[in-house]
Amino acid sequence: MKKGLILVVAFILAATMVFGAGQQEVAKDKLTFAVIPMFVGHPWFERCEYGAKKAAEDLDINLVYLGPEKADAARQLDIFQDQVNKGVDAILVAVSEADMWEVPIANAIKQGIPVFGFDIGGPGTIWLASGWETVQSGINIAEGVVKDIGGKGKVAILTGSLGSPFLAARQRASESVFAKYPDIEVIGVFPTEDDYEKALSASESILQANPDLAGFACMTTTCVPASARATENAGLGGKVSIWGVAMGQQNADYVKRGTVKGGLILDSGKMTYLGMQIAYDYVTKDGKLPTGGEEYGWAGKPVTVVADKASYAPDVLLTAENVDDFEF
């Protein structure tokens, strides 16, 4: 009786060990990508996690999504190094304090773990998946204003710092569009230092001096809600075209009231989805990287700048129907 019981137990243990080994082997056969945001808990990075999860499901791979609870470069580096030590198949990172990251990223790549950037990325990453590419976003803003105002009227360009090369490139792209229309007058470029109160004051002053203003072209996210409030305060809500890079939450009411018809939001989920897709192609297709013109499913067709090793997810127009989807 005891001998029979021992044999049964031994059989069960052996079967369990074999089955367990099989489970581990299946899991091991799946690729594992780690996505490490600057921090977690913010709606922006929660949307990043949504995009990463969506990509992991579509690609049938494992996802590790980890970050510090607040912007903490040392803690983020610890998380990064832990994933390197675990031998994940690829890492995507959006870093804080970039100077601290050059050596760790380079070392990970030397160890055979490809590192990609998303959002602001990091120094020395193989490729960056971001959004709001400067030239195309500037073109989109200006073309939206032109369409709204029928190719004629006064337009004010609101920007952040005049010393920002990034914003200057977006501004030049917008100006190149406006220059094609002889009946459009750009009355000036107004710096706001990306400060809401300064942007609001500048917008109010512009409207007072130009009650016939046709549109605002906004180079920074701060300028959209500021110019929207100024137009509403002046009784011109919905009568002045407002286009620019925008966030969702701070513009939700303006969009629903029709004051802002041209808020171009960067869907941060599409950045991580795009980055995961690019990393997957690199890992599974002998180092394949974007060359331009590729489609990436839910992320759409990005603007790819090969010289910069970057692909930019297309912006999304905020509407009354979708604005509540973006809780940032």
Protein backbone atom coordinates (compact mmCIF):
# COMPACT_ATOMS: atom_id res chain seq x y z
CA MET A 1 0.00 0.00 0.00
CA LYS A 2 2.77 2.40 0.95
CA LYS A 3 4.78 1.41 -2.12
CA GLY A 4 1.78 2.11 -4.36
CA LEU A 5 1.22 5.48 -2.74
CA ILE A 6 4.89 6.40 -3.18
CA LEU A 7 4.70 5.49 -6.87
CA VAL A 8 1.59 7.62 -7.36
CA VAL A 9 3.16 10.60 -5.60
CA ALA A 10 6.36 10.19 -7.61
CA PHE A 11 4.35 10.10 -10.84
CA ILE A 12 2.43 13.26 -9.90
CA LEU A 13 5.64 15.07 -8.96
CA ALA A 14 7.32 14.05 -12.21
CA ALA A 15 4.32 15.14 -14.25
CA THR A 16 4.18 18.44 -12.40
CA MET A 17 7.87 19.06 -13.01
CA VAL A 18 7.55 18.30 -16.71
CA PHE A 19 4.43 20.46 -17.08
CA GLY A 20 6.05 23.28 -15.10
CA ALA A 21 9.17 23.11 -17.24
CA GLY A 22 6.99 23.29 -20.32
CA GLN A 23 5.27 26.42 -19.00
CA GLN A 24 8.59 28.09 -18.30
CA GLU A 25 9.89 27.16 -21.74
CA VAL A 26 6.85 28.72 -23.44
CA ALA A 27 7.31 31.92 -21.43
CA LYS A 28 11.01 31.96 -22.22
CA ASP A 29 10.32 31.57 -25.93
CA LYS A 30 8.31 34.81 -25.88
CA LEU A 31 10.21 38.05 -26.33
CA THR A 32 10.20 40.39 -23.34
CA PHE A 33 10.42 44.16 -23.77
CA ALA A 34 10.84 46.56 -20.84
CA VAL A 35 9.37 50.05 -21.08
CA ILE A 36 10.74 52.47 -18.47
CA PRO A 37 9.00 55.86 -18.28
CA MET A 38 10.38 58.89 -16.47
CA PHE A 39 7.84 58.14 -13.74
CA VAL A 40 4.47 56.44 -13.32
CA GLY A 41 1.09 57.60 -12.06
CA HIS A 42 0.71 60.63 -14.34
CA PRO A 43 -2.06 60.39 -16.97
CA TRP A 44 0.53 61.06 -19.70
CA PHE A 45 2.56 58.00 -18.72
CA GLU A 46 -0.56 55.96 -18.00
CA ARG A 47 -1.47 56.52 -21.64
CA CYS A 48 2.08 55.45 -22.55
CA GLU A 49 1.45 52.21 -20.67
CA TYR A 50 -1.81 51.71 -22.57
CA GLY A 51 0.04 51.99 -25.88
CA ALA A 52 2.79 49.63 -24.75
CA LYS A 53 0.26 47.03 -23.60
CA LYS A 54 -1.65 47.31 -26.86
CA ALA A 55 1.55 46.74 -28.82
CA ALA A 56 2.55 43.79 -26.63
CA GLU A 57 -0.82 42.16 -27.28
CA ASP A 58 -0.61 42.77 -31.02
CA LEU A 59 2.95 41.43 -31.18
CA ASP A 60 2.36 38.56 -28.73
CA ILE A 61 5.29 39.47 -26.49
CA ASN A 62 5.80 39.97 -22.77
CA LEU A 63 5.80 43.52 -21.42
CA VAL A 64 7.48 44.89 -18.31
CA TYR A 65 6.34 48.46 -17.61
CA LEU A 66 8.17 49.95 -14.64
CA GLY A 67 9.19 53.41 -13.49
CA PRO A 68 9.78 55.42 -10.32
CA GLU A 69 6.85 57.09 -8.60
CA LYS A 70 8.34 60.52 -9.33
CA ALA A 71 11.10 61.88 -11.54
CA ASP A 72 14.11 60.26 -9.89
CA ALA A 73 17.03 59.54 -12.22
CA ALA A 74 18.88 57.32 -9.73
CA ARG A 75 15.82 55.13 -9.12
CA GLN A 76 15.06 54.99 -12.83
CA LEU A 77 18.64 53.88 -13.53
CA ASP A 78 18.28 51.13 -10.93
CA ILE A 79 15.17 49.86 -12.70
CA PHE A 80 16.95 50.05 -16.05
CA GLN A 81 20.00 48.15 -14.82
CA ASP A 82 17.82 45.49 -13.23
CA GLN A 83 16.15 44.85 -16.58
CA VAL A 84 19.56 44.71 -18.28
CA ASN A 85 20.70 42.15 -15.70
CA LYS A 86 17.57 40.09 -16.34
CA GLY A 87 18.44 39.98 -20.01
CA VAL A 88 15.26 41.38 -21.52
CA ASP A 89 15.16 41.44 -25.31
CA ALA A 90 14.80 45.22 -25.67
CA ILE A 91 14.33 48.31 -23.52
CA LEU A 92 12.43 51.52 -24.28
CA VAL A 93 13.17 54.49 -22.07
CA ALA A 94 12.23 58.14 -21.55
CA VAL A 95 14.92 59.51 -19.25
CA SER A 96 15.28 62.28 -16.75
CA GLU A 97 18.71 63.96 -16.37
CA ALA A 98 20.08 62.78 -19.71
CA ASP A 99 23.74 63.28 -18.71
CA MET A 100 23.51 60.31 -16.35
CA TRP A 101 22.33 57.93 -19.04
CA GLU A 102 24.93 57.97 -21.79
CA VAL A 103 27.19 55.30 -20.29
CA PRO A 104 24.45 52.93 -18.99
CA ILE A 105 22.67 52.95 -22.35
CA ALA A 106 25.92 52.40 -24.25
CA ASN A 107 26.86 49.52 -21.93
CA ALA A 108 23.47 47.84 -22.33
CA ILE A 109 23.77 47.98 -26.11
CA LYS A 110 27.30 46.53 -25.90
CA GLN A 111 25.84 43.65 -23.89
CA GLY A 112 23.45 42.92 -26.72
CA ILE A 113 20.33 44.55 -25.31
CA PRO A 114 19.02 47.14 -27.79
CA VAL A 115 17.80 50.34 -26.16
CA PHE A 116 15.24 52.60 -27.82
CA GLY A 117 13.86 55.96 -26.78
CA PHE A 118 10.28 57.15 -26.54
CA ASP A 119 8.90 60.60 -25.74
CA ILE A 120 12.11 62.54 -24.96
CA GLY A 121 14.19 59.36 -25.28
CA GLY A 122 17.74 59.20 -24.01
CA PRO A 123 21.33 59.72 -25.22
CA GLY A 124 22.68 57.06 -27.56
CA THR A 125 19.48 55.09 -28.08
CA ILE A 126 19.20 53.16 -31.33
CA TRP A 127 16.02 54.98 -32.40
CA LEU A 128 13.53 57.46 -30.96
CA ALA A 129 9.74 57.16 -31.14
CA SER A 130 8.27 60.54 -30.31
CA GLY A 131 5.70 62.98 -31.59
CA TRP A 132 5.09 66.53 -32.81
CA GLU A 133 7.95 66.52 -35.30
CA THR A 134 8.84 70.19 -35.64
CA VAL A 135 8.42 70.76 -39.36
CA GLN A 136 5.31 68.70 -39.93
CA SER A 137 3.58 70.00 -36.81
CA GLY A 138 4.32 73.57 -37.91
CA ILE A 139 2.87 72.85 -41.33
CA ASN A 140 -0.23 71.22 -39.82
CA ILE A 141 -0.86 74.21 -37.55
CA ALA A 142 -0.59 76.76 -40.36
CA GLU A 143 -2.62 74.73 -42.84
CA GLY A 144 -5.39 74.43 -40.25
CA VAL A 145 -5.49 78.19 -39.73
CA VAL A 146 -5.42 78.83 -43.50
CA LYS A 147 -8.38 76.53 -44.04
CA ASP A 148 -10.37 78.12 -41.20
CA ILE A 149 -9.86 81.70 -42.40
CA GLY A 150 -10.20 81.03 -46.10
CA GLY A 151 -6.66 82.07 -46.93
CA LYS A 152 -6.97 85.70 -45.85
CA GLY A 153 -6.72 87.84 -42.73
CA LYS A 154 -4.38 88.67 -39.87
CA VAL A 155 -2.57 85.91 -38.03
CA ALA A 156 -0.52 86.08 -34.82
CA ILE A 157 2.12 83.46 -34.04
CA LEU A 158 2.49 82.65 -30.35
CA THR A 159 5.62 80.79 -29.27
CA GLY A 160 7.61 79.96 -26.15
CA SER A 161 11.20 81.13 -26.06
CA LEU A 162 12.69 82.81 -29.10
CA GLY A 163 15.95 81.06 -28.26
CA SER A 164 14.57 77.54 -28.72
CA PRO A 165 15.83 75.93 -31.97
CA PHE A 166 13.02 73.39 -31.70
CA LEU A 167 10.31 76.05 -31.61
CA ALA A 168 12.10 78.15 -34.23
CA ALA A 169 11.95 75.22 -36.66
CA ARG A 170 8.21 74.82 -36.04
CA GLN A 171 7.69 78.56 -36.45
CA ARG A 172 9.56 78.65 -39.77
CA ALA A 173 7.48 75.75 -41.06
CA SER A 174 4.27 77.64 -40.21
CA GLU A 175 5.58 80.85 -41.75
CA SER A 176 6.46 79.01 -44.97
CA VAL A 177 2.81 77.97 -45.31
CA PHE A 178 1.43 81.45 -44.58
CA ALA A 179 3.87 82.95 -47.11
CA LYS A 180 2.04 81.14 -49.90
CA TYR A 181 -1.06 83.26 -49.30
CA PRO A 182 -0.68 86.95 -50.23
CA ASP A 183 -3.90 87.84 -48.40
CA ILE A 184 -2.61 86.53 -45.08
CA GLU A 185 -0.71 89.01 -42.91
CA VAL A 186 1.43 87.60 -40.10
CA ILE A 187 1.35 90.52 -37.65
CA GLY A 188 4.20 89.18 -35.54
CA VAL A 189 5.78 86.41 -33.50
CA PHE A 190 5.06 86.81 -29.79
CA PRO A 191 7.21 84.98 -27.20
CA THR A 192 5.53 83.79 -24.01
CA GLU A 193 8.37 81.80 -22.37
CA ASP A 194 5.79 78.99 -22.23
CA ASP A 195 4.16 80.77 -19.29
CA TYR A 196 0.35 80.73 -19.22
CA GLU A 197 -0.10 84.19 -17.72
CA LYS A 198 2.33 85.71 -20.22
CA ALA A 199 0.57 83.92 -23.06
CA LEU A 200 -2.81 85.14 -21.84
CA SER A 201 -1.56 88.73 -21.51
CA ALA A 202 0.03 88.62 -24.97
CA SER A 203 -3.16 87.21 -26.52
CA GLU A 204 -5.33 89.88 -24.90
CA SER A 205 -2.99 92.64 -26.06
CA ILE A 206 -2.98 91.27 -29.61
CA LEU A 207 -6.78 91.19 -29.72
CA GLN A 208 -7.07 94.70 -28.33
CA ALA A 209 -4.71 96.03 -30.99
CA ASN A 210 -6.21 93.83 -33.72
CA PRO A 211 -9.96 93.31 -33.14
CA ASP A 212 -10.13 91.92 -36.67
CA LEU A 213 -7.58 89.19 -35.96
CA ALA A 214 -8.39 86.05 -37.95
CA GLY A 215 -6.24 83.47 -36.21
CA PHE A 216 -3.67 82.38 -33.65
CA ALA A 217 -0.96 79.88 -34.61
CA CYS A 218 0.35 78.39 -31.37
CA MET A 219 3.80 76.81 -31.23
CA THR A 220 3.53 75.56 -27.63
CA THR A 221 0.78 73.82 -25.65
CA THR A 222 0.49 76.74 -23.21
CA CYS A 223 -0.55 79.14 -25.94
CA VAL A 224 -3.69 77.28 -27.03
CA PRO A 225 -5.72 77.57 -23.79
CA ALA A 226 -4.36 81.10 -23.20
CA SER A 227 -5.48 82.37 -26.60
CA ALA A 228 -8.79 80.53 -26.21
CA ARG A 229 -9.51 82.26 -22.92
CA ALA A 230 -8.51 85.63 -24.39
CA THR A 231 -10.88 85.24 -27.34
CA GLU A 232 -13.74 84.23 -25.05
CA ASN A 233 -13.04 87.18 -22.74
CA ALA A 234 -13.20 89.43 -25.80
CA GLY A 235 -16.52 87.90 -26.92
CA LEU A 236 -14.81 86.29 -29.90
CA GLY A 237 -14.94 82.63 -28.87
CA GLY A 238 -15.21 80.48 -31.99
CA LYS A 239 -14.74 83.51 -34.26
CA VAL A 240 -10.94 83.49 -34.19
CA SER A 241 -9.16 80.42 -35.54
CA ILE A 242 -6.91 78.76 -32.96
CA TRP A 243 -4.53 76.00 -34.03
CA GLY A 244 -1.54 74.61 -32.20
CA VAL A 245 0.04 71.73 -30.35
CA ALA A 246 -2.26 71.03 -27.43
CA MET A 247 -3.05 68.93 -24.40
CA GLY A 248 -6.45 67.39 -23.74
CA GLN A 249 -7.57 68.16 -20.21
CA GLN A 250 -6.75 71.89 -20.20
CA ASN A 251 -8.59 72.39 -23.50
CA ALA A 252 -11.59 70.11 -23.04
CA ASP A 253 -14.12 72.87 -22.34
CA TYR A 254 -12.76 75.11 -25.11
CA VAL A 255 -12.99 72.26 -27.61
CA LYS A 256 -16.55 71.39 -26.56
CA ARG A 257 -17.61 75.04 -26.87
CA GLY A 258 -16.03 75.30 -30.31
CA THR A 259 -13.50 77.92 -29.24
CA VAL A 260 -10.59 75.63 -30.13
CA LYS A 261 -11.06 73.76 -33.39
CA GLY A 262 -7.38 73.09 -34.06
CA GLY A 263 -5.90 71.45 -30.97
CA LEU A 264 -3.34 68.93 -32.20
CA ILE A 265 -2.60 66.49 -29.41
CA LEU A 266 0.25 64.06 -29.19
CA ASP A 267 -1.25 60.72 -28.18
CA SER A 268 1.50 59.43 -25.90
CA GLY A 269 0.11 55.91 -26.22
CA LYS A 270 0.87 55.95 -29.92
CA MET A 271 4.49 56.87 -29.16
CA THR A 272 5.05 53.75 -27.08
CA TYR A 273 3.08 51.61 -29.53
CA LEU A 274 5.29 52.92 -32.31
CA GLY A 275 8.46 52.40 -30.27
CA MET A 276 7.50 48.81 -29.44
CA GLN A 277 6.83 48.07 -33.10
CA ILE A 278 10.17 49.55 -34.18
CA ALA A 279 12.03 47.62 -31.47
CA TYR A 280 10.25 44.41 -32.48
CA ASP A 281 11.26 44.83 -36.12
CA TYR A 282 14.85 45.46 -35.03
CA VAL A 283 14.99 42.35 -32.83
CA THR A 284 13.19 39.98 -35.19
CA LYS A 285 14.35 41.25 -38.59
CA ASP A 286 18.14 41.45 -38.29
CA GLY A 287 18.40 45.03 -37.11
CA LYS A 288 15.74 46.51 -39.40
CA LEU A 289 15.07 50.20 -38.74
CA PRO A 290 12.59 52.63 -40.30
CA THR A 291 13.45 54.17 -43.65
CA GLY A 292 10.26 56.25 -44.01
CA GLY A 293 6.81 55.50 -45.33
CA GLU A 294 6.10 52.53 -43.06
CA GLU A 295 2.71 51.96 -41.45
CA TYR A 296 2.59 50.82 -37.84
CA GLY A 297 -0.96 49.66 -37.22
CA TRP A 298 -2.70 51.63 -34.50
CA ALA A 299 0.13 54.22 -34.46
CA GLY A 300 -0.44 55.01 -38.12
CA LYS A 301 2.21 56.36 -40.48
CA PRO A 302 4.86 58.34 -38.60
CA VAL A 303 7.06 61.12 -39.87
CA THR A 304 10.49 59.50 -40.03
CA VAL A 305 13.71 61.52 -40.06
CA VAL A 306 16.42 58.98 -40.76
CA ALA A 307 19.26 61.46 -40.13
CA ASP A 308 17.93 62.02 -36.60
CA LYS A 309 17.19 58.30 -36.03
CA ALA A 310 13.66 59.26 -35.08
CA SER A 311 10.06 58.54 -36.02
CA TYR A 312 7.24 60.81 -34.89
CA ALA A 313 3.72 59.53 -34.34
CA PRO A 314 1.09 61.59 -36.17
CA ASP A 315 -0.77 64.16 -34.10
CA VAL A 316 -4.48 63.77 -33.41
CA LEU A 317 -7.06 66.55 -33.81
CA LEU A 318 -9.00 67.15 -30.59
CA THR A 319 -12.76 67.00 -31.03
CA ALA A 320 -15.72 67.14 -28.69
CA GLU A 321 -16.05 63.39 -29.17
CA ASN A 322 -12.46 62.38 -28.31
CA VAL A 323 -11.14 65.10 -26.00
CA ASP A 324 -12.16 63.27 -22.80
CA ASP A 325 -10.06 60.29 -23.86
CA PHE A 326 -6.93 62.31 -23.15
CA GLU A 327 -6.66 62.85 -19.40
CA PHE A 328 -3.47 64.90 -19.63
